[in-house]
Amino acid sequence: MIFTRVDDTNSTTIVREFNGEGNLDLATANGSSNDVSVLLGKGIRIITQFQIINLSSN
C-alpha cells in the first residue's frame, strides 16, 4: 500500500469510476486550497499521480 498526501485539510474522499475506463478512481475535496485532487485508477491496486482541479470562488 502506498499513501499519497494530497492536502492537509481534505474534507471528503470519494471512490468512484470517473473517466469511463472501468477502474475505480479517488477524489478528495481540499479545504485549505479550494480545489479537488483526482487520483485515477489504472487497474488492480494501481493509482496514477493525482491531478488538481482548481475551483473558482465565483
PDB file of N, CA and C in Angstrom:
ATOM      1  N   MET A   1       0.840  -1.166   0.000  1.00  0.00           N
ATOM      2  CA  MET A   1       0.000   0.000   0.000  1.00  0.00           C
ATOM      3  C   MET A   1       0.890   1.235   0.000  1.00  0.00           C
ATOM      4  N   ILE A   2       0.552   2.195  -0.835  1.00  0.00           N
ATOM      5  CA  ILE A   2       1.284   3.456  -0.900  1.00  0.00           C
ATOM      6  C   ILE A   2       0.337   4.571  -0.502  1.00  0.00           C
ATOM      7  N   PHE A   3       0.797   5.459   0.359  1.00  0.00           N
ATOM      8  CA  PHE A   3      -0.008   6.592   0.787  1.00  0.00           C
ATOM      9  C   PHE A   3       0.487   7.846   0.086  1.00  0.00           C
ATOM     10  N   THR A   4      -0.437   8.638  -0.422  1.00  0.00           N
ATOM     11  CA  THR A   4      -0.104   9.886  -1.098  1.00  0.00           C
ATOM     12  C   THR A   4      -0.808  11.028  -0.401  1.00  0.00           C
ATOM     13  N   ARG A   5      -0.058  12.036   0.002  1.00  0.00           N
ATOM     14  CA  ARG A   5      -0.660  13.203   0.639  1.00  0.00           C
ATOM     15  C   ARG A   5      -1.159  14.142  -0.451  1.00  0.00           C
ATOM     16  N   VAL A   6      -2.430  14.530  -0.368  1.00  0.00           N
ATOM     17  CA  VAL A   6      -2.975  15.440  -1.363  1.00  0.00           C
ATOM     18  C   VAL A   6      -3.234  16.827  -0.796  1.00  0.00           C
ATOM     19  N   ASP A   7      -3.554  16.947   0.483  1.00  0.00           N
ATOM     20  CA  ASP A   7      -3.816  18.239   1.109  1.00  0.00           C
ATOM     21  C   ASP A   7      -3.893  18.027   2.611  1.00  0.00           C
ATOM     22  N   ASP A   8      -3.582  19.075   3.369  1.00  0.00           N
ATOM     23  CA  ASP A   8      -3.636  18.963   4.831  1.00  0.00           C
ATOM     24  C   ASP A   8      -5.055  18.906   5.368  1.00  0.00           C
ATOM     25  N   THR A   9      -6.010  19.442   4.640  1.00  0.00           N
ATOM     26  CA  THR A   9      -7.372  19.540   5.164  1.00  0.00           C
ATOM     27  C   THR A   9      -8.406  18.951   4.214  1.00  0.00           C
ATOM     28  N   ASN A  10      -8.135  17.758   3.672  1.00  0.00           N
ATOM     29  CA  ASN A  10      -9.167  17.179   2.808  1.00  0.00           C
ATOM     30  C   ASN A  10     -10.377  16.827   3.657  1.00  0.00           C
ATOM     31  N   SER A  11     -11.553  17.231   3.195  1.00  0.00           N
ATOM     32  CA  SER A  11     -12.758  17.060   3.989  1.00  0.00           C
ATOM     33  C   SER A  11     -13.637  15.924   3.496  1.00  0.00           C
ATOM     34  N   THR A  12     -13.496  15.547   2.249  1.00  0.00           N
ATOM     35  CA  THR A  12     -14.309  14.480   1.682  1.00  0.00           C
ATOM     36  C   THR A  12     -13.474  13.667   0.705  1.00  0.00           C
ATOM     37  N   THR A  13     -13.605  12.357   0.774  1.00  0.00           N
ATOM     38  CA  THR A  13     -12.957  11.481  -0.199  1.00  0.00           C
ATOM     39  C   THR A  13     -14.031  10.627  -0.858  1.00  0.00           C
ATOM     40  N   ILE A  14     -14.003  10.563  -2.179  1.00  0.00           N
ATOM     41  CA  ILE A  14     -14.982   9.788  -2.937  1.00  0.00           C
ATOM     42  C   ILE A  14     -14.236   8.751  -3.769  1.00  0.00           C
ATOM     43  N   VAL A  15     -14.712   7.508  -3.724  1.00  0.00           N
ATOM     44  CA  VAL A  15     -14.185   6.439  -4.579  1.00  0.00           C
ATOM     45  C   VAL A  15     -15.269   6.153  -5.611  1.00  0.00           C
ATOM     46  N   ARG A  16     -14.922   6.364  -6.880  1.00  0.00           N
ATOM     47  CA  ARG A  16     -15.904   6.208  -7.954  1.00  0.00           C
ATOM     48  C   ARG A  16     -15.163   6.076  -9.281  1.00  0.00           C
ATOM     49  N   GLU A  17     -15.813   5.566 -10.274  1.00  0.00           N
ATOM     50  CA  GLU A  17     -15.235   5.473 -11.610  1.00  0.00           C
ATOM     51  C   GLU A  17     -15.582   6.775 -12.338  1.00  0.00           C
ATOM     52  N   PHE A  18     -14.574   7.638 -12.567  1.00  0.00           N
ATOM     53  CA  PHE A  18     -14.821   8.970 -13.117  1.00  0.00           C
ATOM     54  C   PHE A  18     -14.594   9.087 -14.621  1.00  0.00           C
ATOM     55  N   ASN A  19     -13.646   8.373 -15.189  1.00  0.00           N
ATOM     56  CA  ASN A  19     -13.230   8.665 -16.559  1.00  0.00           C
ATOM     57  C   ASN A  19     -13.613   7.605 -17.598  1.00  0.00           C
ATOM     58  N   GLY A  20     -14.487   6.678 -17.258  1.00  0.00           N
ATOM     59  CA  GLY A  20     -15.061   5.769 -18.240  1.00  0.00           C
ATOM     60  C   GLY A  20     -14.224   4.576 -18.668  1.00  0.00           C
ATOM     61  N   GLU A  21     -13.088   4.301 -17.997  1.00  0.00           N
ATOM     62  CA  GLU A  21     -12.272   3.164 -18.395  1.00  0.00           C
ATOM     63  C   GLU A  21     -12.483   1.939 -17.519  1.00  0.00           C
ATOM     64  N   GLY A  22     -13.371   2.014 -16.528  1.00  0.00           N
ATOM     65  CA  GLY A  22     -13.743   0.841 -15.755  1.00  0.00           C
ATOM     66  C   GLY A  22     -13.005   0.617 -14.454  1.00  0.00           C
ATOM     67  N   ASN A  23     -12.017   1.448 -14.116  1.00  0.00           N
ATOM     68  CA  ASN A  23     -11.277   1.298 -12.857  1.00  0.00           C
ATOM     69  C   ASN A  23     -11.729   2.352 -11.857  1.00  0.00           C
ATOM     70  N   LEU A  24     -11.719   1.988 -10.570  1.00  0.00           N
ATOM     71  CA  LEU A  24     -12.100   2.950  -9.542  1.00  0.00           C
ATOM     72  C   LEU A  24     -11.050   4.043  -9.410  1.00  0.00           C
ATOM     73  N   ASP A  25     -11.517   5.267  -9.196  1.00  0.00           N
ATOM     74  CA  ASP A  25     -10.671   6.436  -9.022  1.00  0.00           C
ATOM     75  C   ASP A  25     -10.988   7.057  -7.662  1.00  0.00           C
ATOM     76  N   LEU A  26     -10.136   7.959  -7.204  1.00  0.00           N
ATOM     77  CA  LEU A  26     -10.347   8.661  -5.936  1.00  0.00           C
ATOM     78  C   LEU A  26     -10.401  10.153  -6.195  1.00  0.00           C
ATOM     79  N   ALA A  27     -11.254  10.854  -5.447  1.00  0.00           N
ATOM     80  CA  ALA A  27     -11.277  12.316  -5.493  1.00  0.00           C
ATOM     81  C   ALA A  27     -11.372  12.820  -4.063  1.00  0.00           C
ATOM     82  N   THR A  28     -10.607  13.854  -3.745  1.00  0.00           N
ATOM     83  CA  THR A  28     -10.672  14.463  -2.420  1.00  0.00           C
ATOM     84  C   THR A  28     -10.954  15.948  -2.568  1.00  0.00           C
ATOM     85  N   ALA A  29     -11.851  16.465  -1.728  1.00  0.00           N
ATOM     86  CA  ALA A  29     -12.109  17.901  -1.666  1.00  0.00           C
ATOM     87  C   ALA A  29     -11.127  18.489  -0.669  1.00  0.00           C
ATOM     88  N   ASN A  30     -10.353  19.472  -1.105  1.00  0.00           N
ATOM     89  CA  ASN A  30      -9.292  20.057  -0.287  1.00  0.00           C
ATOM     90  C   ASN A  30      -9.714  21.441   0.196  1.00  0.00           C
ATOM     91  N   GLY A  31      -9.959  21.549   1.494  1.00  0.00           N
ATOM     92  CA  GLY A  31     -10.490  22.782   2.057  1.00  0.00           C
ATOM     93  C   GLY A  31      -9.549  23.957   2.041  1.00  0.00           C
ATOM     94  N   SER A  32      -8.293  23.754   2.391  1.00  0.00           N
ATOM     95  CA  SER A  32      -7.381  24.892   2.522  1.00  0.00           C
ATOM     96  C   SER A  32      -6.982  25.485   1.180  1.00  0.00           C
ATOM     97  N   SER A  33      -7.006  24.700   0.113  1.00  0.00           N
ATOM     98  CA  SER A  33      -6.580  25.206  -1.192  1.00  0.00           C
ATOM     99  C   SER A  33      -7.742  25.390  -2.170  1.00  0.00           C
ATOM    100  N   ASN A  34      -8.962  25.117  -1.734  1.00  0.00           N
ATOM    101  CA  ASN A  34     -10.165  25.309  -2.547  1.00  0.00           C
ATOM    102  C   ASN A  34     -10.058  24.605  -3.904  1.00  0.00           C
ATOM    103  N   ASP A  35      -9.662  23.321  -3.853  1.00  0.00           N
ATOM    104  CA  ASP A  35      -9.572  22.546  -5.078  1.00  0.00           C
ATOM    105  C   ASP A  35      -9.920  21.093  -4.806  1.00  0.00           C
ATOM    106  N   VAL A  36      -9.909  20.291  -5.859  1.00  0.00           N
ATOM    107  CA  VAL A  36     -10.193  18.863  -5.774  1.00  0.00           C
ATOM    108  C   VAL A  36      -9.002  18.120  -6.363  1.00  0.00           C
ATOM    109  N   SER A  37      -8.527  17.093  -5.667  1.00  0.00           N
ATOM    110  CA  SER A  37      -7.467  16.235  -6.194  1.00  0.00           C
ATOM    111  C   SER A  37      -8.102  14.950  -6.698  1.00  0.00           C
ATOM    112  N   VAL A  38      -7.752  14.551  -7.919  1.00  0.00           N
ATOM    113  CA  VAL A  38      -8.290  13.333  -8.522  1.00  0.00           C
ATOM    114  C   VAL A  38      -7.138  12.375  -8.777  1.00  0.00           C
ATOM    115  N   LEU A  39      -7.242  11.166  -8.236  1.00  0.00           N
ATOM    116  CA  LEU A  39      -6.245  10.119  -8.442  1.00  0.00           C
ATOM    117  C   LEU A  39      -6.907   9.048  -9.297  1.00  0.00           C
ATOM    118  N   LEU A  40      -6.403   8.838 -10.504  1.00  0.00           N
ATOM    119  CA  LEU A  40      -7.029   7.919 -11.447  1.00  0.00           C
ATOM    120  C   LEU A  40      -6.523   6.496 -11.262  1.00  0.00           C
ATOM    121  N   GLY A  41      -7.456   5.552 -11.187  1.00  0.00           N
ATOM    122  CA  GLY A  41      -7.108   4.145 -11.068  1.00  0.00           C
ATOM    123  C   GLY A  41      -6.685   3.577 -12.411  1.00  0.00           C
ATOM    124  N   LYS A  42      -5.673   2.729 -12.407  1.00  0.00           N
ATOM    125  CA  LYS A  42      -5.174   2.119 -13.639  1.00  0.00           C
ATOM    126  C   LYS A  42      -5.239   0.597 -13.599  1.00  0.00           C
ATOM    127  N   GLY A  43      -5.985   0.039 -12.691  1.00  0.00           N
ATOM    128  CA  GLY A  43      -6.093  -1.411 -12.590  1.00  0.00           C
ATOM    129  C   GLY A  43      -5.991  -1.835 -11.141  1.00  0.00           C
ATOM    130  N   ILE A  44      -5.741  -3.100 -10.928  1.00  0.00           N
ATOM    131  CA  ILE A  44      -5.716  -3.654  -9.581  1.00  0.00           C
ATOM    132  C   ILE A  44      -4.632  -2.977  -8.748  1.00  0.00           C
ATOM    133  N   ARG A  45      -5.056  -2.249  -7.732  1.00  0.00           N
ATOM    134  CA  ARG A  45      -4.178  -1.614  -6.738  1.00  0.00           C
ATOM    135  C   ARG A  45      -3.204  -0.590  -7.316  1.00  0.00           C
ATOM    136  N   ILE A  46      -3.460  -0.037  -8.476  1.00  0.00           N
ATOM    137  CA  ILE A  46      -2.555   0.951  -9.056  1.00  0.00           C
ATOM    138  C   ILE A  46      -3.304   2.269  -9.233  1.00  0.00           C
ATOM    139  N   ILE A  47      -2.745   3.336  -8.682  1.00  0.00           N
ATOM    140  CA  ILE A  47      -3.307   4.685  -8.808  1.00  0.00           C
ATOM    141  C   ILE A  47      -2.237   5.572  -9.432  1.00  0.00           C
ATOM    142  N   THR A  48      -2.618   6.401 -10.383  1.00  0.00           N
ATOM    143  CA  THR A  48      -1.664   7.309 -11.016  1.00  0.00           C
ATOM    144  C   THR A  48      -1.406   8.518 -10.122  1.00  0.00           C
ATOM    145  N   GLN A  49      -0.466   9.332 -10.524  1.00  0.00           N
ATOM    146  CA  GLN A  49      -0.255  10.605  -9.846  1.00  0.00           C
ATOM    147  C   GLN A  49      -1.543  11.412  -9.923  1.00  0.00           C
ATOM    148  N   PHE A  50      -1.753  12.248  -8.926  1.00  0.00           N
ATOM    149  CA  PHE A  50      -3.018  12.960  -8.889  1.00  0.00           C
ATOM    150  C   PHE A  50      -3.009  14.221  -9.736  1.00  0.00           C
ATOM    151  N   GLN A  51      -4.205  14.620 -10.135  1.00  0.00           N
ATOM    152  CA  GLN A  51      -4.435  15.864 -10.855  1.00  0.00           C
ATOM    153  C   GLN A  51      -5.177  16.795  -9.916  1.00  0.00           C
ATOM    154  N   ILE A  52      -4.844  18.072  -9.945  1.00  0.00           N
ATOM    155  CA  ILE A  52      -5.528  19.051  -9.108  1.00  0.00           C
ATOM    156  C   ILE A  52      -6.445  19.880  -9.989  1.00  0.00           C
ATOM    157  N   ILE A  53      -7.702  19.981  -9.577  1.00  0.00           N
ATOM    158  CA  ILE A  53      -8.686  20.782 -10.292  1.00  0.00           C
ATOM    159  C   ILE A  53      -9.055  21.952  -9.397  1.00  0.00           C
ATOM    160  N   ASN A  54      -8.678  23.164  -9.793  1.00  0.00           N
ATOM    161  CA  ASN A  54      -8.978  24.352  -9.004  1.00  0.00           C
ATOM    162  C   ASN A  54     -10.443  24.723  -9.141  1.00  0.00           C
ATOM    163  N   LEU A  55     -11.035  25.143  -8.028  1.00  0.00           N
ATOM    164  CA  LEU A  55     -12.421  25.586  -8.011  1.00  0.00           C
ATOM    165  C   LEU A  55     -12.430  27.099  -7.879  1.00  0.00           C
ATOM    166  N   SER A  56     -13.142  27.762  -8.738  1.00  0.00           N
ATOM    167  CA  SER A  56     -13.193  29.223  -8.644  1.00  0.00           C
ATOM    168  C   SER A  56     -14.094  29.624  -7.492  1.00  0.00           C
ATOM    169  N   SER A  57     -13.888  30.812  -6.976  1.00  0.00           N
ATOM    170  CA  SER A  57     -14.713  31.307  -5.872  1.00  0.00           C
ATOM    171  C   SER A  57     -15.985  31.956  -6.382  1.00  0.00           C
ATOM    172  N   ASN A  58     -16.174  32.020  -7.693  1.00  0.00           N
ATOM    173  CA  ASN A  58     -17.376  32.626  -8.284  1.00  0.00           C
ATOM    174  C   ASN A  58     -18.466  31.611  -8.459  1.00  0.00           C
TER     175      ASN A  58
END
